Amino acid sequence: MAVRAQPGAKHEKIVGTHDGALKVAVTAPPDDGRANLALARFLAKTFGCKANQVELLQGKTDRRKVFHFRGFSVESLQAAVNTILATADS
C-alpha cells in the first residue's frame, strides 16, 4: 500500500489521498524513524491488525512510503481504504 506521510501533525488521522497514495498524518516527528513507527502502528490500528503485520518496504527517509500488510489481500485493503475515505468525506 502506498502511503504519503505527514509527520509532526496535531492529530493522527487519514487526511485523504495524494498522488495515488493514502495520505496519513501522524504526531511523531520524522526523527530516528519515529514517524515510520507511528505510521505502522496507526495503520495497524486503522485496519484492525497487529503492528507486526505491517511492514515498511520502501521509503524509510521519504514522505512516500510503501507498506506491506501480511495476511491481507489487495482487494480487502482497497475495500477498507474506500470505506475509510468515504467515512472521512461524510
C-alpha atoms as a PDB file:
ATOM      1  CA  MET A   1       0.000   0.000   0.000  1.00  0.00           C
ATOM      2  CA  ALA A   2       1.353   3.405  -0.978  1.00  0.00           C
ATOM      3  CA  VAL A   3       1.260   5.979   1.828  1.00  0.00           C
ATOM      4  CA  ARG A   4       2.118   9.680   1.842  1.00  0.00           C
ATOM      5  CA  ALA A   5       3.369  10.587   5.327  1.00  0.00           C
ATOM      6  CA  GLN A   6       2.614  13.849   7.086  1.00  0.00           C
ATOM      7  CA  PRO A   7       4.780  13.754  10.239  1.00  0.00           C
ATOM      8  CA  GLY A   8       4.531  16.272  13.056  1.00  0.00           C
ATOM      9  CA  ALA A   9       0.767  16.773  12.734  1.00  0.00           C
ATOM     10  CA  LYS A  10      -1.511  17.813  15.587  1.00  0.00           C
ATOM     11  CA  HIS A  11      -3.641  14.652  15.282  1.00  0.00           C
ATOM     12  CA  GLU A  12      -3.207  11.186  13.836  1.00  0.00           C
ATOM     13  CA  LYS A  13      -5.678  10.638  11.024  1.00  0.00           C
ATOM     14  CA  ILE A  14      -6.157   9.726   7.407  1.00  0.00           C
ATOM     15  CA  VAL A  15      -6.205  13.003   5.546  1.00  0.00           C
ATOM     16  CA  GLY A  16      -7.226  11.644   2.136  1.00  0.00           C
ATOM     17  CA  THR A  17      -5.166  10.741  -0.890  1.00  0.00           C
ATOM     18  CA  HIS A  18      -2.173  12.343  -2.556  1.00  0.00           C
ATOM     19  CA  ASP A  19      -0.884  11.294  -5.958  1.00  0.00           C
ATOM     20  CA  GLY A  20      -2.421   7.816  -5.698  1.00  0.00           C
ATOM     21  CA  ALA A  21      -1.263   7.217  -2.119  1.00  0.00           C
ATOM     22  CA  LEU A  22      -3.173   7.227   1.143  1.00  0.00           C
ATOM     23  CA  LYS A  23      -2.188  10.429   2.975  1.00  0.00           C
ATOM     24  CA  VAL A  24      -1.749   9.820   6.703  1.00  0.00           C
ATOM     25  CA  ALA A  25      -0.926  12.400   9.366  1.00  0.00           C
ATOM     26  CA  VAL A  26       0.946  11.292  12.497  1.00  0.00           C
ATOM     27  CA  THR A  27       2.032  13.319  15.502  1.00  0.00           C
ATOM     28  CA  ALA A  28       5.516  11.794  15.691  1.00  0.00           C
ATOM     29  CA  PRO A  29       8.389  13.811  14.235  1.00  0.00           C
ATOM     30  CA  PRO A  30      10.444  12.408  11.351  1.00  0.00           C
ATOM     31  CA  ASP A  31      13.427  11.784  13.646  1.00  0.00           C
ATOM     32  CA  ASP A  32      15.138   8.413  14.076  1.00  0.00           C
ATOM     33  CA  GLY A  33      12.298   6.538  12.357  1.00  0.00           C
ATOM     34  CA  ARG A  34       9.697   7.619  14.922  1.00  0.00           C
ATOM     35  CA  ALA A  35       7.237   8.748  12.246  1.00  0.00           C
ATOM     36  CA  ASN A  36       7.642   5.430  10.399  1.00  0.00           C
ATOM     37  CA  LEU A  37       6.878   3.501  13.577  1.00  0.00           C
ATOM     38  CA  ALA A  38       3.899   5.746  14.320  1.00  0.00           C
ATOM     39  CA  LEU A  39       2.618   5.241  10.780  1.00  0.00           C
ATOM     40  CA  ALA A  40       2.878   1.466  11.039  1.00  0.00           C
ATOM     41  CA  ARG A  41       1.081   1.447  14.394  1.00  0.00           C
ATOM     42  CA  PHE A  42      -1.649   3.802  13.163  1.00  0.00           C
ATOM     43  CA  LEU A  43      -2.194   1.742  10.008  1.00  0.00           C
ATOM     44  CA  ALA A  44      -2.393  -1.471  12.032  1.00  0.00           C
ATOM     45  CA  LYS A  45      -4.965   0.076  14.367  1.00  0.00           C
ATOM     46  CA  THR A  46      -6.945   1.544  11.461  1.00  0.00           C
ATOM     47  CA  PHE A  47      -7.070  -1.707   9.519  1.00  0.00           C
ATOM     48  CA  GLY A  48      -7.626  -3.894  12.573  1.00  0.00           C
ATOM     49  CA  CYS A  49      -4.456  -5.923  12.578  1.00  0.00           C
ATOM     50  CA  LYS A  50      -1.380  -6.377  14.737  1.00  0.00           C
ATOM     51  CA  ALA A  51       1.548  -3.990  14.382  1.00  0.00           C
ATOM     52  CA  ASN A  52       3.849  -6.842  13.350  1.00  0.00           C
ATOM     53  CA  GLN A  53       1.616  -7.446  10.293  1.00  0.00           C
ATOM     54  CA  VAL A  54       2.522  -4.015   8.879  1.00  0.00           C
ATOM     55  CA  GLU A  55       5.971  -3.748   7.332  1.00  0.00           C
ATOM     56  CA  LEU A  56       7.646  -0.750   5.724  1.00  0.00           C
ATOM     57  CA  LEU A  57       9.041  -1.912   2.376  1.00  0.00           C
ATOM     58  CA  GLN A  58      10.129   1.365   0.765  1.00  0.00           C
ATOM     59  CA  GLY A  59      10.595   4.996   1.720  1.00  0.00           C
ATOM     60  CA  LYS A  60      12.381   4.892   5.053  1.00  0.00           C
ATOM     61  CA  THR A  61      13.532   8.515   4.661  1.00  0.00           C
ATOM     62  CA  ASP A  62      10.962   9.713   2.120  1.00  0.00           C
ATOM     63  CA  ARG A  63       7.425  11.011   2.634  1.00  0.00           C
ATOM     64  CA  ARG A  64       6.144   8.478   0.069  1.00  0.00           C
ATOM     65  CA  LYS A  65       6.258   5.013   1.562  1.00  0.00           C
ATOM     66  CA  VAL A  66       5.133   1.517   0.667  1.00  0.00           C
ATOM     67  CA  PHE A  67       3.769  -0.743   3.392  1.00  0.00           C
ATOM     68  CA  HIS A  68       3.038  -4.452   3.182  1.00  0.00           C
ATOM     69  CA  PHE A  69       0.179  -5.921   5.217  1.00  0.00           C
ATOM     70  CA  ARG A  70       0.732  -9.607   5.976  1.00  0.00           C
ATOM     71  CA  GLY A  71      -2.453 -11.657   5.825  1.00  0.00           C
ATOM     72  CA  PHE A  72      -4.423  -9.126   3.755  1.00  0.00           C
ATOM     73  CA  SER A  73      -5.316  -9.290   0.089  1.00  0.00           C
ATOM     74  CA  VAL A  74      -5.010  -6.237  -2.136  1.00  0.00           C
ATOM     75  CA  GLU A  75      -8.775  -6.329  -2.623  1.00  0.00           C
ATOM     76  CA  SER A  76      -9.570  -6.348   1.102  1.00  0.00           C
ATOM     77  CA  LEU A  77      -7.172  -3.449   1.746  1.00  0.00           C
ATOM     78  CA  GLN A  78      -8.642  -1.446  -1.126  1.00  0.00           C
ATOM     79  CA  ALA A  79     -12.172  -2.068   0.170  1.00  0.00           C
ATOM     80  CA  ALA A  80     -11.116  -0.911   3.645  1.00  0.00           C
ATOM     81  CA  VAL A  81      -9.448   2.210   2.221  1.00  0.00           C
ATOM     82  CA  ASN A  82     -12.562   3.035   0.194  1.00  0.00           C
ATOM     83  CA  THR A  83     -14.720   2.694   3.311  1.00  0.00           C
ATOM     84  CA  ILE A  84     -12.385   4.864   5.375  1.00  0.00           C
ATOM     85  CA  LEU A  85     -12.219   7.560   2.701  1.00  0.00           C
ATOM     86  CA  ALA A  86     -15.990   7.539   2.236  1.00  0.00           C
ATOM     87  CA  THR A  87     -16.449   7.917   6.003  1.00  0.00           C
ATOM     88  CA  ALA A  88     -13.910  10.746   6.133  1.00  0.00           C
ATOM     89  CA  ASP A  89     -15.723  12.619   3.363  1.00  0.00           C
ATOM     90  CA  SER A  90     -19.037  12.448   5.199  1.00  0.00           C
END
